């Protein structure tokens, strides 16, 4: 079994990370400044430290609304236009445009040659107690996927009994190992020998948020909708 660590699943939320960044900037004295920075690029040789913080946050979170909190420090001898509301909006726009182009290219490549989830089966593991889930993919180009295995209750509500990242390619022979005790922990009424409606969901993950870039869910959804990168197969299976 080839497993991947899908960073996106554990990335901090956009709203939480943004709020923390704003709090950090607000803690900086509005009058604290740097100037006379001769070795800095033109435009960045004099600035307010708080404005520098807000501009970096605006770019990091692709949020032009934060640019109104960027105040240019006017200096006679040292250029200071780099940290300003206008330049902040320009940098945010450039970052958003780069993100959009990147996601559109990822989408194009994915739709042109993605692995397709065709089927899956569940077998009793060799230890006689646990289970192996064996997905079947077709396609020409390998990708990483988040694969979830869910038991569907009579009303249709899913209980996830397994979820992890895996790499699927034309040579893959994936076997997803699931312990019976893990199933029981998530689904206490589980009984071996019974038939259950089981769904496998394979989702193509996008570049993880964090560090120098966060994108809102709405932006990602517009560029590469979740429905286009999610595949499902449902089967009635006796455990």
C-alpha atoms as a PDB file:
ATOM      1  CA  UNK A   1       0.000   0.000   0.000  1.00  0.00           C
ATOM      2  CA  UNK A   2       1.445   3.370  -1.016  1.00  0.00           C
ATOM      3  CA  UNK A   3       0.247   6.033   1.377  1.00  0.00           C
ATOM      4  CA  UNK A   4       0.729   9.762   1.116  1.00  0.00           C
ATOM      5  CA  UNK A   5       0.454  12.517   3.672  1.00  0.00           C
ATOM      6  CA  UNK A   6      -2.151  14.881   2.265  1.00  0.00           C
ATOM      7  CA  UNK A   7      -1.210  18.177   3.885  1.00  0.00           C
ATOM      8  CA  UNK A   8      -4.418  19.900   2.905  1.00  0.00           C
ATOM      9  CA  UNK A   9      -6.469  17.744   5.262  1.00  0.00           C
ATOM     10  CA  UNK A  10      -4.656  19.110   8.321  1.00  0.00           C
ATOM     11  CA  UNK A  11      -4.028  22.673   7.165  1.00  0.00           C
ATOM     12  CA  UNK A  12      -5.208  25.485   9.423  1.00  0.00           C
ATOM     13  CA  UNK A  13      -8.503  27.067   8.434  1.00  0.00           C
ATOM     14  CA  UNK A  14      -8.422  30.227   6.355  1.00  0.00           C
ATOM     15  CA  UNK A  15     -10.493  32.239   8.846  1.00  0.00           C
ATOM     16  CA  UNK A  16      -8.526  31.071  11.870  1.00  0.00           C
ATOM     17  CA  UNK A  17      -5.131  31.714  10.323  1.00  0.00           C
ATOM     18  CA  UNK A  18      -6.229  35.114   8.985  1.00  0.00           C
ATOM     19  CA  UNK A  19      -7.563  36.177  12.398  1.00  0.00           C
ATOM     20  CA  UNK A  20      -4.276  35.172  14.028  1.00  0.00           C
ATOM     21  CA  UNK A  21      -2.271  37.151  11.466  1.00  0.00           C
ATOM     22  CA  UNK A  22      -4.404  40.274  11.983  1.00  0.00           C
ATOM     23  CA  UNK A  23      -3.980  39.975  15.752  1.00  0.00           C
ATOM     24  CA  UNK A  24      -0.207  39.846  15.320  1.00  0.00           C
ATOM     25  CA  UNK A  25      -0.232  42.976  13.159  1.00  0.00           C
ATOM     26  CA  UNK A  26      -2.528  44.874  15.509  1.00  0.00           C
ATOM     27  CA  UNK A  27      -0.118  44.236  18.375  1.00  0.00           C
ATOM     28  CA  UNK A  28       2.596  46.279  16.618  1.00  0.00           C
ATOM     29  CA  UNK A  29       2.978  49.944  17.600  1.00  0.00           C
ATOM     30  CA  UNK A  30       1.544  52.002  14.691  1.00  0.00           C
ATOM     31  CA  UNK A  31       4.473  54.438  14.994  1.00  0.00           C
ATOM     32  CA  UNK A  32       7.218  51.811  14.860  1.00  0.00           C
ATOM     33  CA  UNK A  33       9.163  52.255  11.653  1.00  0.00           C
ATOM     34  CA  UNK A  34      12.274  51.400   9.673  1.00  0.00           C
ATOM     35  CA  UNK A  35      14.095  53.877   7.465  1.00  0.00           C
ATOM     36  CA  UNK A  36      17.438  54.480   5.786  1.00  0.00           C
ATOM     37  CA  UNK A  37      17.486  50.935   4.450  1.00  0.00           C
ATOM     38  CA  UNK A  38      19.811  51.652   1.554  1.00  0.00           C
ATOM     39  CA  UNK A  39      20.281  48.022   0.577  1.00  0.00           C
ATOM     40  CA  UNK A  40      16.555  47.298   0.285  1.00  0.00           C
ATOM     41  CA  UNK A  41      14.916  47.377  -3.159  1.00  0.00           C
ATOM     42  CA  UNK A  42      13.557  50.695  -4.372  1.00  0.00           C
ATOM     43  CA  UNK A  43      10.270  51.484  -2.641  1.00  0.00           C
ATOM     44  CA  UNK A  44      11.074  49.475   0.480  1.00  0.00           C
ATOM     45  CA  UNK A  45      13.699  51.680   2.133  1.00  0.00           C
ATOM     46  CA  UNK A  46      11.341  53.312   4.627  1.00  0.00           C
ATOM     47  CA  UNK A  47       8.125  51.924   6.103  1.00  0.00           C
ATOM     48  CA  UNK A  48       5.936  51.400   9.119  1.00  0.00           C
ATOM     49  CA  UNK A  49       6.459  47.951  10.604  1.00  0.00           C
ATOM     50  CA  UNK A  50       2.737  47.526  11.227  1.00  0.00           C
ATOM     51  CA  UNK A  51       1.966  48.373   7.607  1.00  0.00           C
ATOM     52  CA  UNK A  52       4.582  45.879   6.482  1.00  0.00           C
ATOM     53  CA  UNK A  53       2.807  43.244   8.552  1.00  0.00           C
ATOM     54  CA  UNK A  54      -0.635  44.056   7.135  1.00  0.00           C
ATOM     55  CA  UNK A  55       0.644  44.080   3.568  1.00  0.00           C
ATOM     56  CA  UNK A  56       2.247  40.674   3.996  1.00  0.00           C
ATOM     57  CA  UNK A  57      -0.995  39.371   5.529  1.00  0.00           C
ATOM     58  CA  UNK A  58      -3.031  40.819   2.652  1.00  0.00           C
ATOM     59  CA  UNK A  59      -0.866  38.979   0.129  1.00  0.00           C
ATOM     60  CA  UNK A  60      -0.715  35.790   2.198  1.00  0.00           C
ATOM     61  CA  UNK A  61      -4.507  35.606   2.495  1.00  0.00           C
ATOM     62  CA  UNK A  62      -5.238  37.121  -0.929  1.00  0.00           C
ATOM     63  CA  UNK A  63      -7.358  39.737   0.859  1.00  0.00           C
ATOM     64  CA  UNK A  64      -7.250  43.197  -0.693  1.00  0.00           C
ATOM     65  CA  UNK A  65      -9.530  44.487   2.080  1.00  0.00           C
ATOM     66  CA  UNK A  66      -6.526  44.433   4.436  1.00  0.00           C
ATOM     67  CA  UNK A  67      -4.688  46.874   2.166  1.00  0.00           C
ATOM     68  CA  UNK A  68      -6.659  49.799   3.598  1.00  0.00           C
ATOM     69  CA  UNK A  69      -4.694  49.220   6.817  1.00  0.00           C
ATOM     70  CA  UNK A  70      -1.369  49.702   5.022  1.00  0.00           C
ATOM     71  CA  UNK A  71      -0.089  53.244   5.574  1.00  0.00           C
ATOM     72  CA  UNK A  72       2.789  54.561   3.498  1.00  0.00           C
ATOM     73  CA  UNK A  73       5.580  56.214   5.500  1.00  0.00           C
ATOM     74  CA  UNK A  74       6.552  59.386   3.673  1.00  0.00           C
ATOM     75  CA  UNK A  75      10.306  59.972   3.702  1.00  0.00           C
ATOM     76  CA  UNK A  76      12.198  62.715   1.870  1.00  0.00           C
ATOM     77  CA  UNK A  77      15.357  60.735   1.202  1.00  0.00           C
ATOM     78  CA  UNK A  78      14.140  57.152   1.185  1.00  0.00           C
ATOM     79  CA  UNK A  79      11.624  55.597  -1.225  1.00  0.00           C
ATOM     80  CA  UNK A  80       8.629  54.162   0.559  1.00  0.00           C
ATOM     81  CA  UNK A  81       5.967  53.357  -2.045  1.00  0.00           C
ATOM     82  CA  UNK A  82       6.509  49.590  -1.638  1.00  0.00           C
ATOM     83  CA  UNK A  83       4.435  49.442   1.535  1.00  0.00           C
ATOM     84  CA  UNK A  84       1.348  51.380   0.540  1.00  0.00           C
ATOM     85  CA  UNK A  85      -2.329  50.663   0.002  1.00  0.00           C
ATOM     86  CA  UNK A  86      -1.973  50.948  -3.773  1.00  0.00           C
ATOM     87  CA  UNK A  87       1.003  48.631  -4.089  1.00  0.00           C
ATOM     88  CA  UNK A  88      -0.599  46.237  -1.629  1.00  0.00           C
ATOM     89  CA  UNK A  89      -3.651  45.893  -3.871  1.00  0.00           C
ATOM     90  CA  UNK A  90      -1.393  45.341  -6.880  1.00  0.00           C
ATOM     91  CA  UNK A  91       0.503  42.551  -5.135  1.00  0.00           C
ATOM     92  CA  UNK A  92      -2.712  40.881  -3.967  1.00  0.00           C
ATOM     93  CA  UNK A  93      -4.108  41.016  -7.498  1.00  0.00           C
ATOM     94  CA  UNK A  94      -0.939  39.457  -8.897  1.00  0.00           C
ATOM     95  CA  UNK A  95      -1.049  36.670  -6.300  1.00  0.00           C
ATOM     96  CA  UNK A  96      -4.722  35.920  -6.993  1.00  0.00           C
ATOM     97  CA  UNK A  97      -4.074  35.826 -10.732  1.00  0.00           C
ATOM     98  CA  UNK A  98      -1.141  33.429 -10.246  1.00  0.00           C
ATOM     99  CA  UNK A  99      -3.268  31.164  -8.042  1.00  0.00           C
ATOM    100  CA  UNK A 100      -6.064  31.098 -10.584  1.00  0.00           C
ATOM    101  CA  UNK A 101      -3.722  30.183 -13.422  1.00  0.00           C
ATOM    102  CA  UNK A 102      -2.090  27.465 -11.330  1.00  0.00           C
ATOM    103  CA  UNK A 103      -5.421  25.884 -10.376  1.00  0.00           C
ATOM    104  CA  UNK A 104      -6.709  26.096 -13.933  1.00  0.00           C
ATOM    105  CA  UNK A 105      -3.578  24.314 -15.184  1.00  0.00           C
ATOM    106  CA  UNK A 106      -3.906  21.625 -12.500  1.00  0.00           C
ATOM    107  CA  UNK A 107      -7.550  21.192 -13.512  1.00  0.00           C
ATOM    108  CA  UNK A 108      -6.652  20.946 -17.205  1.00  0.00           C
ATOM    109  CA  UNK A 109      -4.026  18.277 -16.563  1.00  0.00           C
ATOM    110  CA  UNK A 110      -6.315  16.372 -14.215  1.00  0.00           C
ATOM    111  CA  UNK A 111      -9.269  16.280 -16.604  1.00  0.00           C
ATOM    112  CA  UNK A 112      -6.976  15.274 -19.476  1.00  0.00           C
ATOM    113  CA  UNK A 113      -5.564  12.164 -17.835  1.00  0.00           C
ATOM    114  CA  UNK A 114      -6.820  11.495 -14.337  1.00  0.00           C
ATOM    115  CA  UNK A 115      -7.093   8.080 -12.738  1.00  0.00           C
ATOM    116  CA  UNK A 116     -10.722   6.939 -12.662  1.00  0.00           C
ATOM    117  CA  UNK A 117     -12.160   5.004  -9.712  1.00  0.00           C
ATOM    118  CA  UNK A 118     -14.064   2.110 -11.300  1.00  0.00           C
ATOM    119  CA  UNK A 119     -14.833  -0.242  -8.444  1.00  0.00           C
ATOM    120  CA  UNK A 120     -13.668  -1.638  -5.111  1.00  0.00           C
ATOM    121  CA  UNK A 121     -14.044  -4.756  -3.033  1.00  0.00           C
ATOM    122  CA  UNK A 122     -13.475  -5.678   0.590  1.00  0.00           C
ATOM    123  CA  UNK A 123     -11.760  -8.881   1.691  1.00  0.00           C
ATOM    124  CA  UNK A 124     -11.008 -10.339   5.067  1.00  0.00           C
ATOM    125  CA  UNK A 125      -7.353  -9.714   5.857  1.00  0.00           C
ATOM    126  CA  UNK A 126      -5.018 -12.685   6.213  1.00  0.00           C
ATOM    127  CA  UNK A 127      -5.185 -12.375   9.981  1.00  0.00           C
ATOM    128  CA  UNK A 128      -8.843 -13.409   9.777  1.00  0.00           C
ATOM    129  CA  UNK A 129     -10.022 -10.433  11.812  1.00  0.00           C
ATOM    130  CA  UNK A 130      -9.354  -7.192   9.934  1.00  0.00           C
ATOM    131  CA  UNK A 131     -10.097  -6.078   6.363  1.00  0.00           C
ATOM    132  CA  UNK A 132      -8.372  -5.127   3.120  1.00  0.00           C
ATOM    133  CA  UNK A 133     -10.185  -2.662   0.869  1.00  0.00           C
ATOM    134  CA  UNK A 134      -9.037  -2.973  -2.730  1.00  0.00           C
ATOM    135  CA  UNK A 135      -9.907  -0.116  -5.114  1.00  0.00           C
ATOM    136  CA  UNK A 136      -9.765  -0.480  -8.881  1.00  0.00           C
ATOM    137  CA  UNK A 137      -8.538   2.496 -10.930  1.00  0.00           C
ATOM    138  CA  UNK A 138      -8.046   3.012 -14.657  1.00  0.00           C
ATOM    139  CA  UNK A 139      -6.155   5.827 -16.335  1.00  0.00           C
ATOM    140  CA  UNK A 140      -2.798   6.855 -17.700  1.00  0.00           C
ATOM    141  CA  UNK A 141      -1.455   9.456 -15.272  1.00  0.00           C
ATOM    142  CA  UNK A 142      -0.744   8.818 -11.608  1.00  0.00           C
ATOM    143  CA  UNK A 143      -2.071  11.180  -8.943  1.00  0.00           C
ATOM    144  CA  UNK A 144      -2.376  11.405  -5.209  1.00  0.00           C
ATOM    145  CA  UNK A 145      -5.895  10.999  -3.845  1.00  0.00           C
ATOM    146  CA  UNK A 146      -7.612  11.216  -0.524  1.00  0.00           C
ATOM    147  CA  UNK A 147      -9.567   7.963  -0.292  1.00  0.00           C
ATOM    148  CA  UNK A 148     -12.390   7.569   2.205  1.00  0.00           C
ATOM    149  CA  UNK A 149     -14.391   4.415   2.936  1.00  0.00           C
ATOM    150  CA  UNK A 150     -17.845   5.055   4.376  1.00  0.00           C
ATOM    151  CA  UNK A 151     -20.678   2.885   5.654  1.00  0.00           C
ATOM    152  CA  UNK A 152     -24.018   4.391   4.668  1.00  0.00           C
ATOM    153  CA  UNK A 153     -26.780   4.237   7.270  1.00  0.00           C
ATOM    154  CA  UNK A 154     -30.372   3.501   6.159  1.00  0.00           C
ATOM    155  CA  UNK A 155     -31.120   7.221   5.950  1.00  0.00           C
ATOM    156  CA  UNK A 156     -28.051   7.771   3.777  1.00  0.00           C
ATOM    157  CA  UNK A 157     -25.850   9.383   6.418  1.00  0.00           C
ATOM    158  CA  UNK A 158     -22.214   8.251   6.043  1.00  0.00           C
ATOM    159  CA  UNK A 159     -19.914   6.969   8.769  1.00  0.00           C
ATOM    160  CA  UNK A 160     -16.287   7.190   7.666  1.00  0.00           C
ATOM    161  CA  UNK A 161     -14.429   4.052   8.724  1.00  0.00           C
ATOM    162  CA  UNK A 162     -11.194   4.974   6.932  1.00  0.00           C
ATOM    163  CA  UNK A 163      -9.621   8.010   5.267  1.00  0.00           C
ATOM    164  CA  UNK A 164      -6.048   8.577   4.139  1.00  0.00           C
ATOM    165  CA  UNK A 165      -3.948   9.767   1.245  1.00  0.00           C
ATOM    166  CA  UNK A 166      -2.779   7.337  -1.444  1.00  0.00           C
ATOM    167  CA  UNK A 167      -0.987   7.474  -4.767  1.00  0.00           C
ATOM    168  CA  UNK A 168      -2.801   5.740  -7.603  1.00  0.00           C
ATOM    169  CA  UNK A 169      -1.172   5.083 -10.955  1.00  0.00           C
ATOM    170  CA  UNK A 170      -1.578   2.476 -13.726  1.00  0.00           C
ATOM    171  CA  UNK A 171       0.734   0.084 -11.853  1.00  0.00           C
ATOM    172  CA  UNK A 172      -0.847   0.551  -8.436  1.00  0.00           C
ATOM    173  CA  UNK A 173      -2.211  -2.428  -6.557  1.00  0.00           C
ATOM    174  CA  UNK A 174      -3.617  -0.629  -3.559  1.00  0.00           C
ATOM    175  CA  UNK A 175      -4.795  -2.511  -0.503  1.00  0.00           C
ATOM    176  CA  UNK A 176      -6.227  -0.302   2.240  1.00  0.00           C
ATOM    177  CA  UNK A 177      -5.876  -2.013   5.602  1.00  0.00           C
ATOM    178  CA  UNK A 178      -8.711  -1.356   8.083  1.00  0.00           C
ATOM    179  CA  UNK A 179      -8.749  -2.788  11.589  1.00  0.00           C
ATOM    180  CA  UNK A 180     -12.025  -4.177  12.848  1.00  0.00           C
ATOM    181  CA  UNK A 181     -11.491  -2.331  16.133  1.00  0.00           C
ATOM    182  CA  UNK A 182     -11.232   0.965  14.232  1.00  0.00           C
ATOM    183  CA  UNK A 183     -14.535   0.253  12.499  1.00  0.00           C
ATOM    184  CA  UNK A 184     -16.152  -0.548  15.855  1.00  0.00           C
ATOM    185  CA  UNK A 185     -14.762   2.672  17.345  1.00  0.00           C
ATOM    186  CA  UNK A 186     -16.478   4.733  14.648  1.00  0.00           C
ATOM    187  CA  UNK A 187     -19.535   2.490  14.228  1.00  0.00           C
ATOM    188  CA  UNK A 188     -20.249   0.724  17.554  1.00  0.00           C
ATOM    189  CA  UNK A 189     -23.142  -1.353  16.166  1.00  0.00           C
ATOM    190  CA  UNK A 190     -20.952  -2.889  13.431  1.00  0.00           C
ATOM    191  CA  UNK A 191     -21.377  -6.676  13.190  1.00  0.00           C
ATOM    192  CA  UNK A 192     -19.104  -8.911  11.079  1.00  0.00           C
ATOM    193  CA  UNK A 193     -21.070 -11.163   8.763  1.00  0.00           C
ATOM    194  CA  UNK A 194     -23.713  -8.560   7.991  1.00  0.00           C
ATOM    195  CA  UNK A 195     -24.185  -6.759   4.693  1.00  0.00           C
ATOM    196  CA  UNK A 196     -23.717  -2.990   4.617  1.00  0.00           C
ATOM    197  CA  UNK A 197     -23.990  -0.323   1.958  1.00  0.00           C
ATOM    198  CA  UNK A 198     -20.444   0.956   1.531  1.00  0.00           C
ATOM    199  CA  UNK A 199     -19.209   3.961  -0.405  1.00  0.00           C
ATOM    200  CA  UNK A 200     -15.685   4.757  -1.546  1.00  0.00           C
ATOM    201  CA  UNK A 201     -14.865   8.410  -2.216  1.00  0.00           C
ATOM    202  CA  UNK A 202     -11.660   9.350  -4.053  1.00  0.00           C
ATOM    203  CA  UNK A 203     -10.873  13.058  -4.006  1.00  0.00           C
ATOM    204  CA  UNK A 204      -8.059  14.742  -5.879  1.00  0.00           C
ATOM    205  CA  UNK A 205      -6.467  17.160  -3.359  1.00  0.00           C
ATOM    206  CA  UNK A 206      -5.135  20.579  -4.261  1.00  0.00           C
ATOM    207  CA  UNK A 207      -1.915  22.253  -3.057  1.00  0.00           C
ATOM    208  CA  UNK A 208      -1.997  22.632   0.705  1.00  0.00           C
ATOM    209  CA  UNK A 209      -2.743  25.983   2.315  1.00  0.00           C
ATOM    210  CA  UNK A 210      -0.294  27.458   4.770  1.00  0.00           C
ATOM    211  CA  UNK A 211       2.969  29.329   4.826  1.00  0.00           C
ATOM    212  CA  UNK A 212       2.959  32.129   2.282  1.00  0.00           C
ATOM    213  CA  UNK A 213      -0.431  31.320   0.747  1.00  0.00           C
ATOM    214  CA  UNK A 214      -4.023  30.788   1.846  1.00  0.00           C
ATOM    215  CA  UNK A 215      -6.960  30.611  -0.556  1.00  0.00           C
ATOM    216  CA  UNK A 216     -10.626  30.794   0.390  1.00  0.00           C
ATOM    217  CA  UNK A 217     -12.815  27.757  -0.252  1.00  0.00           C
ATOM    218  CA  UNK A 218     -14.998  29.884  -2.517  1.00  0.00           C
ATOM    219  CA  UNK A 219     -12.037  30.866  -4.703  1.00  0.00           C
ATOM    220  CA  UNK A 220     -10.851  27.259  -5.008  1.00  0.00           C
ATOM    221  CA  UNK A 221     -14.384  26.079  -5.787  1.00  0.00           C
ATOM    222  CA  UNK A 222     -14.687  28.573  -8.641  1.00  0.00           C
ATOM    223  CA  UNK A 223     -11.336  27.563 -10.138  1.00  0.00           C
ATOM    224  CA  UNK A 224     -11.600  23.773  -9.676  1.00  0.00           C
ATOM    225  CA  UNK A 225     -14.967  22.612  -8.271  1.00  0.00           C
ATOM    226  CA  UNK A 226     -14.982  19.776  -5.768  1.00  0.00           C
ATOM    227  CA  UNK A 227     -17.536  17.853  -7.853  1.00  0.00           C
ATOM    228  CA  UNK A 228     -15.016  17.691 -10.723  1.00  0.00           C
ATOM    229  CA  UNK A 229     -12.293  16.128  -8.578  1.00  0.00           C
ATOM    230  CA  UNK A 230     -14.411  13.730  -6.526  1.00  0.00           C
ATOM    231  CA  UNK A 231     -15.340  10.200  -7.597  1.00  0.00           C
ATOM    232  CA  UNK A 232     -17.634   7.806  -5.757  1.00  0.00           C
ATOM    233  CA  UNK A 233     -18.565   4.134  -6.037  1.00  0.00           C
ATOM    234  CA  UNK A 234     -21.217   2.506  -3.806  1.00  0.00           C
ATOM    235  CA  UNK A 235     -21.589  -1.230  -3.213  1.00  0.00           C
ATOM    236  CA  UNK A 236     -23.546  -3.590  -0.948  1.00  0.00           C
ATOM    237  CA  UNK A 237     -20.847  -5.605   0.801  1.00  0.00           C
ATOM    238  CA  UNK A 238     -20.937  -8.375   3.348  1.00  0.00           C
ATOM    239  CA  UNK A 239     -18.234  -8.023   5.966  1.00  0.00           C
END
